[in-house]
PDB file of N, CA and C in Angstrom:
ATOM      1  N   UNK A   1      82.906  92.338 100.125  1.00  0.00           N
ATOM      2  CA  UNK A   1      82.793  93.562  99.357  1.00  0.00           C
ATOM      3  C   UNK A   1      82.887  94.750 100.310  1.00  0.00           C
ATOM      4  N   UNK A   2      83.556  95.795  99.864  1.00  0.00           N
ATOM      5  CA  UNK A   2      83.670  97.022 100.653  1.00  0.00           C
ATOM      6  C   UNK A   2      82.821  98.111 100.002  1.00  0.00           C
ATOM      7  N   UNK A   3      81.961  98.725 100.794  1.00  0.00           N
ATOM      8  CA  UNK A   3      81.092  99.790 100.283  1.00  0.00           C
ATOM      9  C   UNK A   3      81.320 101.073 101.085  1.00  0.00           C
ATOM     10  N   UNK A   4      82.112 102.034 100.531  1.00  0.00           N
ATOM     11  CA  UNK A   4      82.294 103.302 101.234  1.00  0.00           C
ATOM     12  C   UNK A   4      81.057 104.185 101.085  1.00  0.00           C
ATOM     13  N   UNK A   5      80.739 104.921 102.145  1.00  0.00           N
ATOM     14  CA  UNK A   5      79.561 105.798 102.112  1.00  0.00           C
ATOM     15  C   UNK A   5      79.789 107.069 102.926  1.00  0.00           C
ATOM     16  N   UNK A   6      79.163 108.125 102.466  1.00  0.00           N
ATOM     17  CA  UNK A   6      79.028 109.368 103.216  1.00  0.00           C
ATOM     18  C   UNK A   6      77.529 109.643 103.314  1.00  0.00           C
ATOM     19  N   UNK A   7      76.883 109.255 104.423  1.00  0.00           N
ATOM     20  CA  UNK A   7      75.431 109.426 104.536  1.00  0.00           C
ATOM     21  C   UNK A   7      75.013 110.890 104.382  1.00  0.00           C
ATOM     22  N   UNK A   8      73.902 111.091 103.690  1.00  0.00           N
ATOM     23  CA  UNK A   8      73.392 112.456 103.490  1.00  0.00           C
ATOM     24  C   UNK A   8      72.992 113.113 104.802  1.00  0.00           C
ATOM     25  N   UNK A   9      72.645 112.323 105.818  1.00  0.00           N
ATOM     26  CA  UNK A   9      72.218 112.866 107.105  1.00  0.00           C
ATOM     27  C   UNK A   9      73.393 113.320 107.971  1.00  0.00           C
ATOM     28  N   UNK A  10      74.628 113.131 107.480  1.00  0.00           N
ATOM     29  CA  UNK A  10      75.839 113.522 108.194  1.00  0.00           C
ATOM     30  C   UNK A  10      76.566 114.558 107.344  1.00  0.00           C
ATOM     31  N   UNK A  11      77.219 115.511 107.980  1.00  0.00           N
ATOM     32  CA  UNK A  11      77.970 116.527 107.238  1.00  0.00           C
ATOM     33  C   UNK A  11      78.977 115.870 106.300  1.00  0.00           C
ATOM     34  N   UNK A  12      79.341 116.544 105.198  1.00  0.00           N
ATOM     35  CA  UNK A  12      80.372 115.990 104.319  1.00  0.00           C
ATOM     36  C   UNK A  12      81.694 115.864 105.080  1.00  0.00           C
ATOM     37  N   UNK A  13      82.545 114.915 104.699  1.00  0.00           N
ATOM     38  CA  UNK A  13      83.846 114.792 105.362  1.00  0.00           C
ATOM     39  C   UNK A  13      84.603 116.115 105.309  1.00  0.00           C
ATOM     40  N   UNK A  14      85.287 116.430 106.390  1.00  0.00           N
ATOM     41  CA  UNK A  14      86.044 117.688 106.458  1.00  0.00           C
ATOM     42  C   UNK A  14      87.504 117.490 106.074  1.00  0.00           C
ATOM     43  N   UNK A  15      87.824 116.319 105.576  1.00  0.00           N
ATOM     44  CA  UNK A  15      89.198 116.021 105.173  1.00  0.00           C
ATOM     45  C   UNK A  15      89.208 114.878 104.190  1.00  0.00           C
ATOM     46  N   UNK A  16      90.353 114.251 104.090  1.00  0.00           N
ATOM     47  CA  UNK A  16      90.570 113.175 103.124  1.00  0.00           C
ATOM     48  C   UNK A  16      90.207 111.836 103.760  1.00  0.00           C
ATOM     49  N   UNK A  17      88.905 111.557 103.869  1.00  0.00           N
ATOM     50  CA  UNK A  17      88.411 110.314 104.444  1.00  0.00           C
ATOM     51  C   UNK A  17      86.964 110.112 104.018  1.00  0.00           C
ATOM     52  N   UNK A  18      86.412 108.962 104.340  1.00  0.00           N
ATOM     53  CA  UNK A  18      85.009 108.656 104.127  1.00  0.00           C
ATOM     54  C   UNK A  18      84.415 108.336 105.493  1.00  0.00           C
ATOM     55  N   UNK A  19      83.132 108.662 105.699  1.00  0.00           N
ATOM     56  CA  UNK A  19      82.522 108.454 107.018  1.00  0.00           C
ATOM     57  C   UNK A  19      82.383 106.985 107.411  1.00  0.00           C
ATOM     58  N   UNK A  20      82.095 106.114 106.450  1.00  0.00           N
ATOM     59  CA  UNK A  20      81.907 104.716 106.811  1.00  0.00           C
ATOM     60  C   UNK A  20      82.275 103.802 105.648  1.00  0.00           C
ATOM     61  N   UNK A  21      82.635 102.576 105.997  1.00  0.00           N
ATOM     62  CA  UNK A  21      82.850 101.529 105.005  1.00  0.00           C
ATOM     63  C   UNK A  21      82.204 100.269 105.554  1.00  0.00           C
ATOM     64  N   UNK A  22      81.257  99.733 104.803  1.00  0.00           N
ATOM     65  CA  UNK A  22      80.631  98.475 105.187  1.00  0.00           C
ATOM     66  C   UNK A  22      81.368  97.336 104.491  1.00  0.00           C
ATOM     67  N   UNK A  23      81.690  96.293 105.254  1.00  0.00           N
ATOM     68  CA  UNK A  23      82.341  95.112 104.699  1.00  0.00           C
ATOM     69  C   UNK A  23      81.335  93.976 104.784  1.00  0.00           C
ATOM     70  N   UNK A  24      81.068  93.331 103.644  1.00  0.00           N
ATOM     71  CA  UNK A  24      80.133  92.213 103.630  1.00  0.00           C
ATOM     72  C   UNK A  24      80.723  91.060 102.819  1.00  0.00           C
ATOM     73  N   UNK A  25      80.135  89.899 102.992  1.00  0.00           N
ATOM     74  CA  UNK A  25      80.621  88.728 102.284  1.00  0.00           C
ATOM     75  C   UNK A  25      81.815  88.124 102.990  1.00  0.00           C
ATOM     76  N   UNK A  26      82.439  87.145 102.331  1.00  0.00           N
ATOM     77  CA  UNK A  26      83.619  86.521 102.914  1.00  0.00           C
ATOM     78  C   UNK A  26      84.804  87.442 102.746  1.00  0.00           C
ATOM     79  N   UNK A  27      85.558  87.620 103.800  1.00  0.00           N
ATOM     80  CA  UNK A  27      86.710  88.515 103.719  1.00  0.00           C
ATOM     81  C   UNK A  27      87.773  88.112 104.728  1.00  0.00           C
ATOM     82  N   UNK A  28      88.979  88.600 104.472  1.00  0.00           N
ATOM     83  CA  UNK A  28      90.076  88.490 105.426  1.00  0.00           C
ATOM     84  C   UNK A  28      90.244  89.867 106.040  1.00  0.00           C
ATOM     85  N   UNK A  29      90.584  89.909 107.313  1.00  0.00           N
ATOM     86  CA  UNK A  29      90.841  91.186 107.965  1.00  0.00           C
ATOM     87  C   UNK A  29      92.251  91.184 108.518  1.00  0.00           C
ATOM     88  N   UNK A  30      92.874  92.350 108.487  1.00  0.00           N
ATOM     89  CA  UNK A  30      94.215  92.528 109.031  1.00  0.00           C
ATOM     90  C   UNK A  30      94.203  93.755 109.920  1.00  0.00           C
ATOM     91  N   UNK A  31      94.692  93.613 111.138  1.00  0.00           N
ATOM     92  CA  UNK A  31      94.810  94.719 112.076  1.00  0.00           C
ATOM     93  C   UNK A  31      96.296  94.993 112.251  1.00  0.00           C
ATOM     94  N   UNK A  32      96.717  96.196 111.910  1.00  0.00           N
ATOM     95  CA  UNK A  32      98.132  96.554 111.963  1.00  0.00           C
ATOM     96  C   UNK A  32      98.377  97.400 113.208  1.00  0.00           C
ATOM     97  N   UNK A  33      99.298  96.951 114.053  1.00  0.00           N
ATOM     98  CA  UNK A  33      99.671  97.709 115.249  1.00  0.00           C
ATOM     99  C   UNK A  33     100.172  99.089 114.858  1.00  0.00           C
ATOM    100  N   UNK A  34     100.155  99.985 115.817  1.00  0.00           N
ATOM    101  CA  UNK A  34     100.645 101.330 115.570  1.00  0.00           C
ATOM    102  C   UNK A  34     102.058 101.310 115.009  1.00  0.00           C
ATOM    103  N   UNK A  35     102.245 101.982 113.885  1.00  0.00           N
ATOM    104  CA  UNK A  35     103.543 102.067 113.232  1.00  0.00           C
ATOM    105  C   UNK A  35     104.087 103.475 113.440  1.00  0.00           C
ATOM    106  N   UNK A  36     105.305 103.571 113.918  1.00  0.00           N
ATOM    107  CA  UNK A  36     105.933 104.876 114.123  1.00  0.00           C
ATOM    108  C   UNK A  36     106.772 105.217 112.897  1.00  0.00           C
ATOM    109  N   UNK A  37     107.300 106.426 112.893  1.00  0.00           N
ATOM    110  CA  UNK A  37     108.081 106.908 111.768  1.00  0.00           C
ATOM    111  C   UNK A  37     109.527 106.460 111.798  1.00  0.00           C
ATOM    112  N   UNK A  38     109.779 105.204 112.109  1.00  0.00           N
ATOM    113  CA  UNK A  38     111.138 104.665 112.129  1.00  0.00           C
ATOM    114  C   UNK A  38     111.388 103.878 110.851  1.00  0.00           C
ATOM    115  N   UNK A  39     112.469 104.233 110.174  1.00  0.00           N
ATOM    116  CA  UNK A  39     112.864 103.507 108.970  1.00  0.00           C
ATOM    117  C   UNK A  39     113.463 102.152 109.348  1.00  0.00           C
ATOM    118  N   UNK A  40     113.599 101.273 108.346  1.00  0.00           N
ATOM    119  CA  UNK A  40     114.153  99.933 108.580  1.00  0.00           C
ATOM    120  C   UNK A  40     115.560  99.997 109.164  1.00  0.00           C
ATOM    121  N   UNK A  41     116.317 101.081 108.865  1.00  0.00           N
ATOM    122  CA  UNK A  41     117.676 101.214 109.395  1.00  0.00           C
ATOM    123  C   UNK A  41     117.703 101.780 110.816  1.00  0.00           C
ATOM    124  N   UNK A  42     116.519 102.038 111.398  1.00  0.00           N
ATOM    125  CA  UNK A  42     116.425 102.538 112.761  1.00  0.00           C
ATOM    126  C   UNK A  42     116.395 104.043 112.883  1.00  0.00           C
ATOM    127  N   UNK A  43     116.576 104.762 111.773  1.00  0.00           N
ATOM    128  CA  UNK A  43     116.560 106.228 111.833  1.00  0.00           C
ATOM    129  C   UNK A  43     115.124 106.745 111.894  1.00  0.00           C
ATOM    130  N   UNK A  44     114.979 107.890 112.564  1.00  0.00           N
ATOM    131  CA  UNK A  44     113.679 108.542 112.719  1.00  0.00           C
ATOM    132  C   UNK A  44     113.846 109.997 112.307  1.00  0.00           C
ATOM    133  N   UNK A  45     113.124 110.449 111.276  1.00  0.00           N
ATOM    134  CA  UNK A  45     113.241 111.849 110.877  1.00  0.00           C
ATOM    135  C   UNK A  45     112.724 112.783 111.970  1.00  0.00           C
ATOM    136  N   UNK A  46     113.257 113.989 112.021  1.00  0.00           N
ATOM    137  CA  UNK A  46     112.798 114.975 113.001  1.00  0.00           C
ATOM    138  C   UNK A  46     111.430 115.550 112.645  1.00  0.00           C
ATOM    139  N   UNK A  47     111.183 115.739 111.351  1.00  0.00           N
ATOM    140  CA  UNK A  47     109.953 116.393 110.883  1.00  0.00           C
ATOM    141  C   UNK A  47     108.739 115.476 111.066  1.00  0.00           C
ATOM    142  N   UNK A  48     107.672 115.963 111.735  1.00  0.00           N
ATOM    143  CA  UNK A  48     106.500 115.109 111.972  1.00  0.00           C
ATOM    144  C   UNK A  48     105.793 114.678 110.689  1.00  0.00           C
ATOM    145  N   UNK A  49     105.774 115.524 109.665  1.00  0.00           N
ATOM    146  CA  UNK A  49     105.142 115.126 108.402  1.00  0.00           C
ATOM    147  C   UNK A  49     105.932 113.989 107.766  1.00  0.00           C
ATOM    148  N   UNK A  50     107.257 114.076 107.821  1.00  0.00           N
ATOM    149  CA  UNK A  50     108.090 113.005 107.296  1.00  0.00           C
ATOM    150  C   UNK A  50     107.900 111.735 108.127  1.00  0.00           C
ATOM    151  N   UNK A  51     107.784 111.883 109.447  1.00  0.00           N
ATOM    152  CA  UNK A  51     107.504 110.720 110.299  1.00  0.00           C
ATOM    153  C   UNK A  51     106.177 110.083 109.904  1.00  0.00           C
ATOM    154  N   UNK A  52     105.179 110.910 109.609  1.00  0.00           N
ATOM    155  CA  UNK A  52     103.883 110.379 109.183  1.00  0.00           C
ATOM    156  C   UNK A  52     104.047 109.559 107.903  1.00  0.00           C
ATOM    157  N   UNK A  53     104.802 110.089 106.940  1.00  0.00           N
ATOM    158  CA  UNK A  53     105.037 109.362 105.693  1.00  0.00           C
ATOM    159  C   UNK A  53     105.728 108.031 105.927  1.00  0.00           C
ATOM    160  N   UNK A  54     106.745 108.024 106.772  1.00  0.00           N
ATOM    161  CA  UNK A  54     107.463 106.782 107.071  1.00  0.00           C
ATOM    162  C   UNK A  54     106.534 105.798 107.791  1.00  0.00           C
ATOM    163  N   UNK A  55     105.743 106.281 108.743  1.00  0.00           N
ATOM    164  CA  UNK A  55     104.804 105.405 109.457  1.00  0.00           C
ATOM    165  C   UNK A  55     103.799 104.794 108.488  1.00  0.00           C
ATOM    166  N   UNK A  56     103.297 105.601 107.572  1.00  0.00           N
ATOM    167  CA  UNK A  56     102.345 105.087 106.592  1.00  0.00           C
ATOM    168  C   UNK A  56     103.022 104.092 105.643  1.00  0.00           C
ATOM    169  N   UNK A  57     104.261 104.355 105.266  1.00  0.00           N
ATOM    170  CA  UNK A  57     105.019 103.376 104.464  1.00  0.00           C
ATOM    171  C   UNK A  57     105.143 102.059 105.225  1.00  0.00           C
ATOM    172  N   UNK A  58     105.373 102.128 106.540  1.00  0.00           N
ATOM    173  CA  UNK A  58     105.461 100.919 107.358  1.00  0.00           C
ATOM    174  C   UNK A  58     104.132 100.165 107.389  1.00  0.00           C
ATOM    175  N   UNK A  59     103.026 100.909 107.433  1.00  0.00           N
ATOM    176  CA  UNK A  59     101.705 100.272 107.343  1.00  0.00           C
ATOM    177  C   UNK A  59     101.589  99.523 106.023  1.00  0.00           C
ATOM    178  N   UNK A  60     101.975 100.177 104.925  1.00  0.00           N
ATOM    179  CA  UNK A  60     101.865  99.552 103.608  1.00  0.00           C
ATOM    180  C   UNK A  60     102.757  98.323 103.484  1.00  0.00           C
ATOM    181  N   UNK A  61     103.927  98.356 104.102  1.00  0.00           N
ATOM    182  CA  UNK A  61     104.804  97.182 104.091  1.00  0.00           C
ATOM    183  C   UNK A  61     104.179  96.016 104.860  1.00  0.00           C
ATOM    184  N   UNK A  62     103.489  96.341 105.953  1.00  0.00           N
ATOM    185  CA  UNK A  62     102.764  95.303 106.692  1.00  0.00           C
ATOM    186  C   UNK A  62     101.654  94.712 105.835  1.00  0.00           C
ATOM    187  N   UNK A  63     100.931  95.555 105.117  1.00  0.00           N
ATOM    188  CA  UNK A  63      99.874  95.056 104.237  1.00  0.00           C
ATOM    189  C   UNK A  63     100.453  94.116 103.192  1.00  0.00           C
ATOM    190  N   UNK A  64     101.522  94.568 102.535  1.00  0.00           N
ATOM    191  CA  UNK A  64     102.145  93.768 101.485  1.00  0.00           C
ATOM    192  C   UNK A  64     102.612  92.413 102.021  1.00  0.00           C
ATOM    193  N   UNK A  65     103.205  92.412 103.205  1.00  0.00           N
ATOM    194  CA  UNK A  65     103.705  91.170 103.794  1.00  0.00           C
ATOM    195  C   UNK A  65     102.584  90.169 104.045  1.00  0.00           C
ATOM    196  N   UNK A  66     101.368  90.661 104.237  1.00  0.00           N
ATOM    197  CA  UNK A  66     100.219  89.789 104.491  1.00  0.00           C
ATOM    198  C   UNK A  66      99.395  89.518 103.234  1.00  0.00           C
ATOM    199  N   UNK A  67      99.851  90.021 102.078  1.00  0.00           N
ATOM    200  CA  UNK A  67      99.123  89.795 100.832  1.00  0.00           C
ATOM    201  C   UNK A  67      97.968  90.752 100.611  1.00  0.00           C
ATOM    202  N   UNK A  68      98.021  91.915 101.247  1.00  0.00           N
ATOM    203  CA  UNK A  68      96.993  92.937 101.087  1.00  0.00           C
ATOM    204  C   UNK A  68      97.525  94.066 100.212  1.00  0.00           C
ATOM    205  N   UNK A  69      96.615  94.878  99.688  1.00  0.00           N
ATOM    206  CA  UNK A  69      96.935  96.036  98.859  1.00  0.00           C
ATOM    207  C   UNK A  69      96.556  97.312  99.612  1.00  0.00           C
ATOM    208  N   UNK A  70      97.121  98.466  99.230  1.00  0.00           N
ATOM    209  CA  UNK A  70      96.722  99.728  99.868  1.00  0.00           C
ATOM    210  C   UNK A  70      95.218  99.982  99.791  1.00  0.00           C
ATOM    211  N   UNK A  71      94.584  99.534  98.712  1.00  0.00           N
ATOM    212  CA  UNK A  71      93.138  99.733  98.542  1.00  0.00           C
ATOM    213  C   UNK A  71      92.321  98.912  99.530  1.00  0.00           C
ATOM    214  N   UNK A  72      92.966  97.992 100.245  1.00  0.00           N
ATOM    215  CA  UNK A  72      92.280  97.184 101.244  1.00  0.00           C
ATOM    216  C   UNK A  72      92.138  97.911 102.586  1.00  0.00           C
ATOM    217  N   UNK A  73      92.812  99.052 102.740  1.00  0.00           N
ATOM    218  CA  UNK A  73      92.702  99.823 103.985  1.00  0.00           C
ATOM    219  C   UNK A  73      91.265 100.304 104.179  1.00  0.00           C
ATOM    220  N   UNK A  74      90.725 100.075 105.365  1.00  0.00           N
ATOM    221  CA  UNK A  74      89.390 100.587 105.679  1.00  0.00           C
ATOM    222  C   UNK A  74      89.400 101.538 106.872  1.00  0.00           C
ATOM    223  N   UNK A  75      90.479 101.550 107.660  1.00  0.00           N
ATOM    224  CA  UNK A  75      90.542 102.413 108.853  1.00  0.00           C
ATOM    225  C   UNK A  75      91.985 102.780 109.147  1.00  0.00           C
ATOM    226  N   UNK A  76      92.228 104.065 109.303  1.00  0.00           N
ATOM    227  CA  UNK A  76      93.538 104.563 109.720  1.00  0.00           C
ATOM    228  C   UNK A  76      93.314 105.454 110.942  1.00  0.00           C
ATOM    229  N   UNK A  77      94.073 105.203 112.001  1.00  0.00           N
ATOM    230  CA  UNK A  77      94.066 106.086 113.169  1.00  0.00           C
ATOM    231  C   UNK A  77      95.466 106.659 113.306  1.00  0.00           C
ATOM    232  N   UNK A  78      95.547 107.973 113.347  1.00  0.00           N
ATOM    233  CA  UNK A  78      96.833 108.662 113.450  1.00  0.00           C
ATOM    234  C   UNK A  78      96.902 109.369 114.795  1.00  0.00           C
ATOM    235  N   UNK A  79      97.958 109.084 115.544  1.00  0.00           N
ATOM    236  CA  UNK A  79      98.213 109.713 116.836  1.00  0.00           C
ATOM    237  C   UNK A  79      99.363 110.693 116.652  1.00  0.00           C
ATOM    238  N   UNK A  80      99.182 111.926 117.135  1.00  0.00           N
ATOM    239  CA  UNK A  80     100.165 112.984 116.919  1.00  0.00           C
ATOM    240  C   UNK A  80     100.497 113.672 118.235  1.00  0.00           C
ATOM    241  N   UNK A  81     101.780 113.876 118.459  1.00  0.00           N
ATOM    242  CA  UNK A  81     102.251 114.700 119.573  1.00  0.00           C
ATOM    243  C   UNK A  81     102.624 116.050 118.978  1.00  0.00           C
ATOM    244  N   UNK A  82     102.035 117.117 119.481  1.00  0.00           N
ATOM    245  CA  UNK A  82     102.335 118.451 118.946  1.00  0.00           C
ATOM    246  C   UNK A  82     101.548 118.737 117.681  1.00  0.00           C
ATOM    247  N   UNK A  83     102.201 119.390 116.731  1.00  0.00           N
ATOM    248  CA  UNK A  83     101.546 119.818 115.497  1.00  0.00           C
ATOM    249  C   UNK A  83     101.854 118.866 114.347  1.00  0.00           C
ATOM    250  N   UNK A  84     100.923 118.758 113.401  1.00  0.00           N
ATOM    251  CA  UNK A  84     101.131 118.030 112.157  1.00  0.00           C
ATOM    252  C   UNK A  84     100.463 118.834 111.054  1.00  0.00           C
ATOM    253  N   UNK A  85     101.264 119.395 110.159  1.00  0.00           N
ATOM    254  CA  UNK A  85     100.757 120.242 109.083  1.00  0.00           C
ATOM    255  C   UNK A  85      99.709 119.492 108.263  1.00  0.00           C
ATOM    256  N   UNK A  86      98.461 119.993 108.212  1.00  0.00           N
ATOM    257  CA  UNK A  86      97.403 119.290 107.478  1.00  0.00           C
ATOM    258  C   UNK A  86      97.717 119.110 105.990  1.00  0.00           C
ATOM    259  N   UNK A  87      98.275 120.120 105.362  1.00  0.00           N
ATOM    260  CA  UNK A  87      98.609 120.010 103.937  1.00  0.00           C
ATOM    261  C   UNK A  87      99.700 118.960 103.722  1.00  0.00           C
ATOM    262  N   UNK A  88     100.688 118.931 104.594  1.00  0.00           N
ATOM    263  CA  UNK A  88     101.746 117.935 104.491  1.00  0.00           C
ATOM    264  C   UNK A  88     101.207 116.526 104.703  1.00  0.00           C
ATOM    265  N   UNK A  89     100.278 116.386 105.629  1.00  0.00           N
ATOM    266  CA  UNK A  89      99.649 115.073 105.875  1.00  0.00           C
ATOM    267  C   UNK A  89      98.904 114.614 104.628  1.00  0.00           C
ATOM    268  N   UNK A  90      98.122 115.521 104.025  1.00  0.00           N
ATOM    269  CA  UNK A  90      97.386 115.166 102.806  1.00  0.00           C
ATOM    270  C   UNK A  90      98.335 114.796 101.674  1.00  0.00           C
ATOM    271  N   UNK A  91      99.449 115.512 101.549  1.00  0.00           N
ATOM    272  CA  UNK A  91     100.427 115.195 100.500  1.00  0.00           C
ATOM    273  C   UNK A  91     100.984 113.785 100.674  1.00  0.00           C
ATOM    274  N   UNK A  92     101.266 113.400 101.920  1.00  0.00           N
ATOM    275  CA  UNK A  92     101.763 112.051 102.172  1.00  0.00           C
ATOM    276  C   UNK A  92     100.695 111.000 101.841  1.00  0.00           C
ATOM    277  N   UNK A  93      99.450 111.275 102.216  1.00  0.00           N
ATOM    278  CA  UNK A  93      98.363 110.353 101.885  1.00  0.00           C
ATOM    279  C   UNK A  93      98.210 110.222 100.375  1.00  0.00           C
ATOM    280  N   UNK A  94      98.243 111.348  99.665  1.00  0.00           N
ATOM    281  CA  UNK A  94      98.141 111.313  98.204  1.00  0.00           C
ATOM    282  C   UNK A  94      99.301 110.537  97.590  1.00  0.00           C
ATOM    283  N   UNK A  95     100.500 110.776  98.089  1.00  0.00           N
ATOM    284  CA  UNK A  95     101.696 110.125  97.561  1.00  0.00           C
ATOM    285  C   UNK A  95     101.625 108.605  97.741  1.00  0.00           C
ATOM    286  N   UNK A  96     101.154 108.164  98.896  1.00  0.00           N
ATOM    287  CA  UNK A  96     101.193 106.742  99.217  1.00  0.00           C
ATOM    288  C   UNK A  96      99.903 105.983  98.922  1.00  0.00           C
ATOM    289  N   UNK A  97      98.766 106.672  98.943  1.00  0.00           N
ATOM    290  CA  UNK A  97      97.491 105.985  98.737  1.00  0.00           C
ATOM    291  C   UNK A  97      96.784 106.403  97.457  1.00  0.00           C
ATOM    292  N   UNK A  98      97.306 107.400  96.754  1.00  0.00           N
ATOM    293  CA  UNK A  98      96.639 107.856  95.538  1.00  0.00           C
ATOM    294  C   UNK A  98      95.247 108.357  95.854  1.00  0.00           C
ATOM    295  N   UNK A  99      94.274 107.900  95.092  1.00  0.00           N
ATOM    296  CA  UNK A  99      92.887 108.349  95.263  1.00  0.00           C
ATOM    297  C   UNK A  99      92.137 107.553  96.325  1.00  0.00           C
ATOM    298  N   UNK A 100      92.730 106.469  96.843  1.00  0.00           N
ATOM    299  CA  UNK A 100      92.029 105.635  97.826  1.00  0.00           C
ATOM    300  C   UNK A 100      91.790 106.412  99.117  1.00  0.00           C
ATOM    301  N   UNK A 101      90.586 106.309  99.637  1.00  0.00           N
ATOM    302  CA  UNK A 101      90.269 106.885 100.946  1.00  0.00           C
ATOM    303  C   UNK A 101      89.732 105.785 101.853  1.00  0.00           C
ATOM    304  N   UNK A 102      89.980 105.939 103.132  1.00  0.00           N
ATOM    305  CA  UNK A 102      89.467 105.004 104.136  1.00  0.00           C
ATOM    306  C   UNK A 102      88.770 105.835 105.201  1.00  0.00           C
ATOM    307  N   UNK A 103      88.231 105.182 106.208  1.00  0.00           N
ATOM    308  CA  UNK A 103      87.791 105.935 107.362  1.00  0.00           C
ATOM    309  C   UNK A 103      89.057 106.387 108.085  1.00  0.00           C
ATOM    310  N   UNK A 104      88.953 107.454 108.849  1.00  0.00           N
ATOM    311  CA  UNK A 104      90.160 108.017 109.450  1.00  0.00           C
ATOM    312  C   UNK A 104      89.836 108.749 110.740  1.00  0.00           C
ATOM    313  N   UNK A 105      90.721 108.591 111.707  1.00  0.00           N
ATOM    314  CA  UNK A 105      90.625 109.325 112.964  1.00  0.00           C
ATOM    315  C   UNK A 105      91.994 109.921 113.254  1.00  0.00           C
ATOM    316  N   UNK A 106      92.016 111.188 113.648  1.00  0.00           N
ATOM    317  CA  UNK A 106      93.242 111.901 114.006  1.00  0.00           C
ATOM    318  C   UNK A 106      93.142 112.280 115.475  1.00  0.00           C
ATOM    319  N   UNK A 107      94.104 111.815 116.280  1.00  0.00           N
ATOM    320  CA  UNK A 107      94.078 112.033 117.722  1.00  0.00           C
ATOM    321  C   UNK A 107      95.365 112.717 118.152  1.00  0.00           C
ATOM    322  N   UNK A 108      95.240 113.813 118.886  1.00  0.00           N
ATOM    323  CA  UNK A 108      96.405 114.492 119.449  1.00  0.00           C
ATOM    324  C   UNK A 108      96.603 113.984 120.870  1.00  0.00           C
ATOM    325  N   UNK A 109      97.836 113.542 121.151  1.00  0.00           N
ATOM    326  CA  UNK A 109      98.143 112.927 122.436  1.00  0.00           C
ATOM    327  C   UNK A 109      99.321 113.645 123.097  1.00  0.00           C
ATOM    328  N   UNK A 110      99.492 113.409 124.390  1.00  0.00           N
ATOM    329  CA  UNK A 110     100.580 114.044 125.133  1.00  0.00           C
ATOM    330  C   UNK A 110     101.928 113.420 124.816  1.00  0.00           C
ATOM    331  N   UNK A 111     101.953 112.112 124.562  1.00  0.00           N
ATOM    332  CA  UNK A 111     103.223 111.431 124.314  1.00  0.00           C
ATOM    333  C   UNK A 111     102.962 110.089 123.645  1.00  0.00           C
ATOM    334  N   UNK A 112     104.024 109.554 123.018  1.00  0.00           N
ATOM    335  CA  UNK A 112     104.004 108.210 122.459  1.00  0.00           C
ATOM    336  C   UNK A 112     105.043 107.378 123.211  1.00  0.00           C
ATOM    337  N   UNK A 113     105.422 106.229 122.698  1.00  0.00           N
ATOM    338  CA  UNK A 113     106.305 105.310 123.419  1.00  0.00           C
ATOM    339  C   UNK A 113     107.695 105.877 123.695  1.00  0.00           C
ATOM    340  N   UNK A 114     108.139 106.818 122.887  1.00  0.00           N
ATOM    341  CA  UNK A 114     109.439 107.466 123.084  1.00  0.00           C
ATOM    342  C   UNK A 114     109.311 108.924 122.667  1.00  0.00           C
ATOM    343  N   UNK A 115     110.041 109.823 123.315  1.00  0.00           N
ATOM    344  CA  UNK A 115     109.960 111.238 122.952  1.00  0.00           C
ATOM    345  C   UNK A 115     110.379 111.536 121.505  1.00  0.00           C
ATOM    346  N   UNK A 116     111.147 110.642 120.887  1.00  0.00           N
ATOM    347  CA  UNK A 116     111.576 110.859 119.507  1.00  0.00           C
ATOM    348  C   UNK A 116     110.410 110.697 118.528  1.00  0.00           C
ATOM    349  N   UNK A 117     109.404 109.901 118.903  1.00  0.00           N
ATOM    350  CA  UNK A 117     108.256 109.672 118.029  1.00  0.00           C
ATOM    351  C   UNK A 117     107.242 110.797 118.170  1.00  0.00           C
ATOM    352  N   UNK A 118     106.870 111.359 117.039  1.00  0.00           N
ATOM    353  CA  UNK A 118     105.855 112.425 117.024  1.00  0.00           C
ATOM    354  C   UNK A 118     104.550 111.946 116.409  1.00  0.00           C
ATOM    355  N   UNK A 119     104.626 110.825 115.651  1.00  0.00           N
ATOM    356  CA  UNK A 119     103.457 110.312 114.932  1.00  0.00           C
ATOM    357  C   UNK A 119     103.432 108.786 115.009  1.00  0.00           C
ATOM    358  N   UNK A 120     102.233 108.234 115.165  1.00  0.00           N
ATOM    359  CA  UNK A 120     102.033 106.791 115.110  1.00  0.00           C
ATOM    360  C   UNK A 120     100.750 106.531 114.326  1.00  0.00           C
ATOM    361  N   UNK A 121     100.763 105.521 113.462  1.00  0.00           N
ATOM    362  CA  UNK A 121      99.607 105.210 112.622  1.00  0.00           C
ATOM    363  C   UNK A 121      99.259 103.736 112.796  1.00  0.00           C
ATOM    364  N   UNK A 122      98.000 103.464 113.171  1.00  0.00           N
ATOM    365  CA  UNK A 122      97.521 102.091 113.184  1.00  0.00           C
ATOM    366  C   UNK A 122      96.465 101.964 112.092  1.00  0.00           C
ATOM    367  N   UNK A 123      96.281 100.718 111.618  1.00  0.00           N
ATOM    368  CA  UNK A 123      95.393 100.551 110.477  1.00  0.00           C
ATOM    369  C   UNK A 123      94.642  99.219 110.531  1.00  0.00           C
ATOM    370  N   UNK A 124      93.492  99.224 109.881  1.00  0.00           N
ATOM    371  CA  UNK A 124      92.705  98.023 109.669  1.00  0.00           C
ATOM    372  C   UNK A 124      92.532  97.872 108.168  1.00  0.00           C
ATOM    373  N   UNK A 125      92.595  96.638 107.707  1.00  0.00           N
ATOM    374  CA  UNK A 125      92.381  96.369 106.291  1.00  0.00           C
ATOM    375  C   UNK A 125      91.501  95.143 106.150  1.00  0.00           C
ATOM    376  N   UNK A 126      90.796  95.069 105.053  1.00  0.00           N
ATOM    377  CA  UNK A 126      89.994  93.898 104.732  1.00  0.00           C
ATOM    378  C   UNK A 126      90.142  93.594 103.258  1.00  0.00           C
ATOM    379  N   UNK A 127      90.183  92.342 102.966  1.00  0.00           N
ATOM    380  CA  UNK A 127      90.322  91.883 101.570  1.00  0.00           C
ATOM    381  C   UNK A 127      89.206  90.902 101.311  1.00  0.00           C
ATOM    382  N   UNK A 128      88.363  91.221 100.329  1.00  0.00           N
ATOM    383  CA  UNK A 128      87.215  90.352 100.009  1.00  0.00           C
ATOM    384  C   UNK A 128      87.466  89.597  98.720  1.00  0.00           C
TER     385      UNK A 128
END
């Protein structure tokens, strides 16, 4: 079972995430390596928000391939080089995850595996 919580002793979330998710009972876990904004055809959009959307789509495809659903996401870590429009990021999350929220960390870094990549998303999921 997954139990999302925002403890009263901690400030309310400042974005589209929940502070914690407790997983109990029997469950399967899936750890998804960092996904970049590369489409299946090898193309990479220039826009970082679009790269974020493609990376998140790649996360969802990994979930589906393992028999998981988007609602099984419990942790998303997003690595960004340069700027990433917060409103555009939220729009992509809304488009791909609907009302589902997970824990989330946003990290700004100097570089990723290639200069063409501006965004990378890694994820954890659990299915009970």
